[in-house]
Amino acid sequence: MAGRSVAALLAALLIAAGAGWAQDVTRYLRLEWEVSQGRRGHAVVSGYLYNDYGLPAVRVQLRVEVLDASGQTVSETTAYIDREVPPLGRAYFEASLPRAGAGYRVTVNYFDWLMIPGSG
């Protein structure tokens, strides 16, 4: 019985942590991007990730999806921001896409807050 309670508590904590992370993304990180044609004729997504929070964001991964006319994902790639996104600042990103599409979607797939000693 105690094992089930611990497992249920851990599951609830993981769900809460995931919900908090998702809230952090939409509340503190925002994307501004555009699609253009690259040198080799491939579509390229480029733009900025803005950090509206008081801590640096690091290890940022973006999911870049290529959509068909019905809005379904037909291809995707991962773009990495290989530097710190400063508090109340921004960082540039660029991703070459494997194919063109009717539409595109860019979302934050993963990030960490860089904890600064004495900040919390």
C-alpha atoms as a PDB file:
ATOM      1  CA  MET A   1       0.000   0.000   0.000  1.00  0.00           C
ATOM      2  CA  ALA A   2       2.800   2.428   0.904  1.00  0.00           C
ATOM      3  CA  GLY A   3       4.528   1.606  -2.398  1.00  0.00           C
ATOM      4  CA  ARG A   4       1.409   2.615  -4.340  1.00  0.00           C
ATOM      5  CA  SER A   5       1.135   5.877  -2.397  1.00  0.00           C
ATOM      6  CA  VAL A   6       4.767   6.739  -3.120  1.00  0.00           C
ATOM      7  CA  ALA A   7       4.314   5.864  -6.809  1.00  0.00           C
ATOM      8  CA  ALA A   8       1.157   8.000  -7.008  1.00  0.00           C
ATOM      9  CA  LEU A   9       2.932  10.894  -5.284  1.00  0.00           C
ATOM     10  CA  LEU A  10       5.897  10.648  -7.670  1.00  0.00           C
ATOM     11  CA  ALA A  11       3.558  10.566 -10.676  1.00  0.00           C
ATOM     12  CA  ALA A  12       1.711  13.642  -9.387  1.00  0.00           C
ATOM     13  CA  LEU A  13       5.004  15.489  -8.844  1.00  0.00           C
ATOM     14  CA  LEU A  14       6.206  14.645 -12.355  1.00  0.00           C
ATOM     15  CA  ILE A  15       2.936  15.864 -13.856  1.00  0.00           C
ATOM     16  CA  ALA A  16       3.103  19.073 -11.800  1.00  0.00           C
ATOM     17  CA  ALA A  17       6.734  19.627 -12.804  1.00  0.00           C
ATOM     18  CA  GLY A  18       5.830  19.140 -16.458  1.00  0.00           C
ATOM     19  CA  ALA A  19       2.904  21.542 -16.173  1.00  0.00           C
ATOM     20  CA  GLY A  20       5.151  24.129 -14.523  1.00  0.00           C
ATOM     21  CA  TRP A  21       7.749  23.747 -17.259  1.00  0.00           C
ATOM     22  CA  ALA A  22       5.088  24.226 -19.943  1.00  0.00           C
ATOM     23  CA  GLN A  23       3.831  27.326 -18.131  1.00  0.00           C
ATOM     24  CA  ASP A  24       7.402  28.696 -17.969  1.00  0.00           C
ATOM     25  CA  VAL A  25       7.738  28.331 -21.734  1.00  0.00           C
ATOM     26  CA  THR A  26       4.607  30.262 -22.615  1.00  0.00           C
ATOM     27  CA  ARG A  27       4.987  32.800 -19.845  1.00  0.00           C
ATOM     28  CA  TYR A  28       8.697  33.613 -20.076  1.00  0.00           C
ATOM     29  CA  LEU A  29       9.998  32.515 -23.475  1.00  0.00           C
ATOM     30  CA  ARG A  30       8.609  33.742 -26.778  1.00  0.00           C
ATOM     31  CA  LEU A  31       9.600  33.231 -30.369  1.00  0.00           C
ATOM     32  CA  GLU A  32       9.724  35.586 -33.329  1.00  0.00           C
ATOM     33  CA  TRP A  33      10.637  33.923 -36.624  1.00  0.00           C
ATOM     34  CA  GLU A  34      10.294  33.938 -40.405  1.00  0.00           C
ATOM     35  CA  VAL A  35      10.844  31.544 -43.292  1.00  0.00           C
ATOM     36  CA  SER A  36      13.103  32.372 -46.227  1.00  0.00           C
ATOM     37  CA  GLN A  37      14.848  30.516 -49.022  1.00  0.00           C
ATOM     38  CA  GLY A  38      18.416  29.477 -48.252  1.00  0.00           C
ATOM     39  CA  ARG A  39      21.425  29.403 -50.576  1.00  0.00           C
ATOM     40  CA  ARG A  40      20.750  25.872 -51.792  1.00  0.00           C
ATOM     41  CA  GLY A  41      17.038  26.428 -52.347  1.00  0.00           C
ATOM     42  CA  HIS A  42      15.988  24.886 -49.014  1.00  0.00           C
ATOM     43  CA  ALA A  43      13.579  26.659 -46.705  1.00  0.00           C
ATOM     44  CA  VAL A  44      15.299  28.255 -43.707  1.00  0.00           C
ATOM     45  CA  VAL A  45      13.589  29.297 -40.474  1.00  0.00           C
ATOM     46  CA  SER A  46      15.374  32.072 -38.610  1.00  0.00           C
ATOM     47  CA  GLY A  47      14.498  34.368 -35.775  1.00  0.00           C
ATOM     48  CA  TYR A  48      14.905  35.190 -32.119  1.00  0.00           C
ATOM     49  CA  LEU A  49      14.006  33.559 -28.839  1.00  0.00           C
ATOM     50  CA  TYR A  50      13.161  36.218 -26.240  1.00  0.00           C
ATOM     51  CA  ASN A  51      13.705  35.523 -22.542  1.00  0.00           C
ATOM     52  CA  ASP A  52      11.349  37.625 -20.414  1.00  0.00           C
ATOM     53  CA  TYR A  53      12.513  36.018 -17.157  1.00  0.00           C
ATOM     54  CA  GLY A  54      15.169  37.107 -14.658  1.00  0.00           C
ATOM     55  CA  LEU A  55      17.432  34.065 -15.158  1.00  0.00           C
ATOM     56  CA  PRO A  56      19.423  32.993 -18.222  1.00  0.00           C
ATOM     57  CA  ALA A  57      17.953  30.169 -20.334  1.00  0.00           C
ATOM     58  CA  VAL A  58      20.456  27.515 -21.456  1.00  0.00           C
ATOM     59  CA  ARG A  59      20.483  24.262 -23.450  1.00  0.00           C
ATOM     60  CA  VAL A  60      17.562  25.508 -25.531  1.00  0.00           C
ATOM     61  CA  GLN A  61      16.177  23.143 -28.162  1.00  0.00           C
ATOM     62  CA  LEU A  62      13.542  24.253 -30.650  1.00  0.00           C
ATOM     63  CA  ARG A  63      11.257  21.937 -32.611  1.00  0.00           C
ATOM     64  CA  VAL A  64      10.738  23.207 -36.158  1.00  0.00           C
ATOM     65  CA  GLU A  65       7.872  21.493 -37.968  1.00  0.00           C
ATOM     66  CA  VAL A  66       6.986  21.558 -41.657  1.00  0.00           C
ATOM     67  CA  LEU A  67       3.204  21.418 -42.144  1.00  0.00           C
ATOM     68  CA  ASP A  68       1.056  20.328 -45.075  1.00  0.00           C
ATOM     69  CA  ALA A  69      -2.049  22.208 -46.254  1.00  0.00           C
ATOM     70  CA  SER A  70      -4.206  20.512 -43.585  1.00  0.00           C
ATOM     71  CA  GLY A  71      -1.843  21.543 -40.766  1.00  0.00           C
ATOM     72  CA  GLN A  72      -0.365  18.075 -40.250  1.00  0.00           C
ATOM     73  CA  THR A  73       3.351  17.688 -39.572  1.00  0.00           C
ATOM     74  CA  VAL A  74       5.138  16.164 -42.572  1.00  0.00           C
ATOM     75  CA  SER A  75       8.713  16.772 -41.423  1.00  0.00           C
ATOM     76  CA  GLU A  76      10.539  18.217 -38.446  1.00  0.00           C
ATOM     77  CA  THR A  77      13.993  19.151 -37.294  1.00  0.00           C
ATOM     78  CA  THR A  78      15.602  20.361 -34.090  1.00  0.00           C
ATOM     79  CA  ALA A  79      17.368  23.702 -33.821  1.00  0.00           C
ATOM     80  CA  TYR A  80      19.756  24.382 -30.964  1.00  0.00           C
ATOM     81  CA  ILE A  81      20.577  27.725 -29.413  1.00  0.00           C
ATOM     82  CA  ASP A  82      24.180  27.076 -28.473  1.00  0.00           C
ATOM     83  CA  ARG A  83      24.604  30.009 -26.156  1.00  0.00           C
ATOM     84  CA  GLU A  84      22.965  31.464 -23.085  1.00  0.00           C
ATOM     85  CA  VAL A  85      19.784  33.466 -23.666  1.00  0.00           C
ATOM     86  CA  PRO A  86      20.302  36.352 -21.235  1.00  0.00           C
ATOM     87  CA  PRO A  87      17.632  37.512 -18.801  1.00  0.00           C
ATOM     88  CA  LEU A  88      15.356  40.041 -20.495  1.00  0.00           C
ATOM     89  CA  GLY A  89      17.347  39.479 -23.697  1.00  0.00           C
ATOM     90  CA  ARG A  90      17.253  37.438 -26.868  1.00  0.00           C
ATOM     91  CA  ALA A  91      19.258  34.942 -28.911  1.00  0.00           C
ATOM     92  CA  TYR A  92      19.289  34.312 -32.657  1.00  0.00           C
ATOM     93  CA  PHE A  93      18.571  30.899 -34.186  1.00  0.00           C
ATOM     94  CA  GLU A  94      18.479  29.440 -37.666  1.00  0.00           C
ATOM     95  CA  ALA A  95      17.442  26.029 -38.988  1.00  0.00           C
ATOM     96  CA  SER A  96      17.619  24.637 -42.503  1.00  0.00           C
ATOM     97  CA  LEU A  97      14.561  22.538 -43.300  1.00  0.00           C
ATOM     98  CA  PRO A  98      14.610  19.269 -45.237  1.00  0.00           C
ATOM     99  CA  ARG A  99      11.672  20.369 -47.399  1.00  0.00           C
ATOM    100  CA  ALA A 100       9.270  23.223 -48.032  1.00  0.00           C
ATOM    101  CA  GLY A 101       5.739  23.135 -46.686  1.00  0.00           C
ATOM    102  CA  ALA A 102       2.397  24.886 -46.741  1.00  0.00           C
ATOM    103  CA  GLY A 103       3.116  26.150 -43.229  1.00  0.00           C
ATOM    104  CA  TYR A 104       5.590  25.940 -40.367  1.00  0.00           C
ATOM    105  CA  ARG A 105       5.529  25.774 -36.573  1.00  0.00           C
ATOM    106  CA  VAL A 106       8.371  26.577 -34.160  1.00  0.00           C
ATOM    107  CA  THR A 107       8.113  25.649 -30.473  1.00  0.00           C
ATOM    108  CA  VAL A 108      10.465  25.416 -27.512  1.00  0.00           C
ATOM    109  CA  ASN A 109      11.124  21.719 -27.016  1.00  0.00           C
ATOM    110  CA  TYR A 110      13.536  21.918 -24.056  1.00  0.00           C
ATOM    111  CA  PHE A 111      15.458  24.415 -21.923  1.00  0.00           C
ATOM    112  CA  ASP A 112      16.934  24.905 -18.456  1.00  0.00           C
ATOM    113  CA  TRP A 113      17.131  27.985 -16.278  1.00  0.00           C
ATOM    114  CA  LEU A 114      20.730  28.741 -15.288  1.00  0.00           C
ATOM    115  CA  MET A 115      20.654  29.126 -11.531  1.00  0.00           C
ATOM    116  CA  ILE A 116      22.936  31.919 -10.383  1.00  0.00           C
ATOM    117  CA  PRO A 117      24.362  31.560  -6.840  1.00  0.00           C
ATOM    118  CA  GLY A 118      22.314  33.693  -4.475  1.00  0.00           C
ATOM    119  CA  SER A 119      19.361  33.958  -6.897  1.00  0.00           C
ATOM    120  CA  GLY A 120      17.072  31.558  -5.161  1.00  0.00           C
END
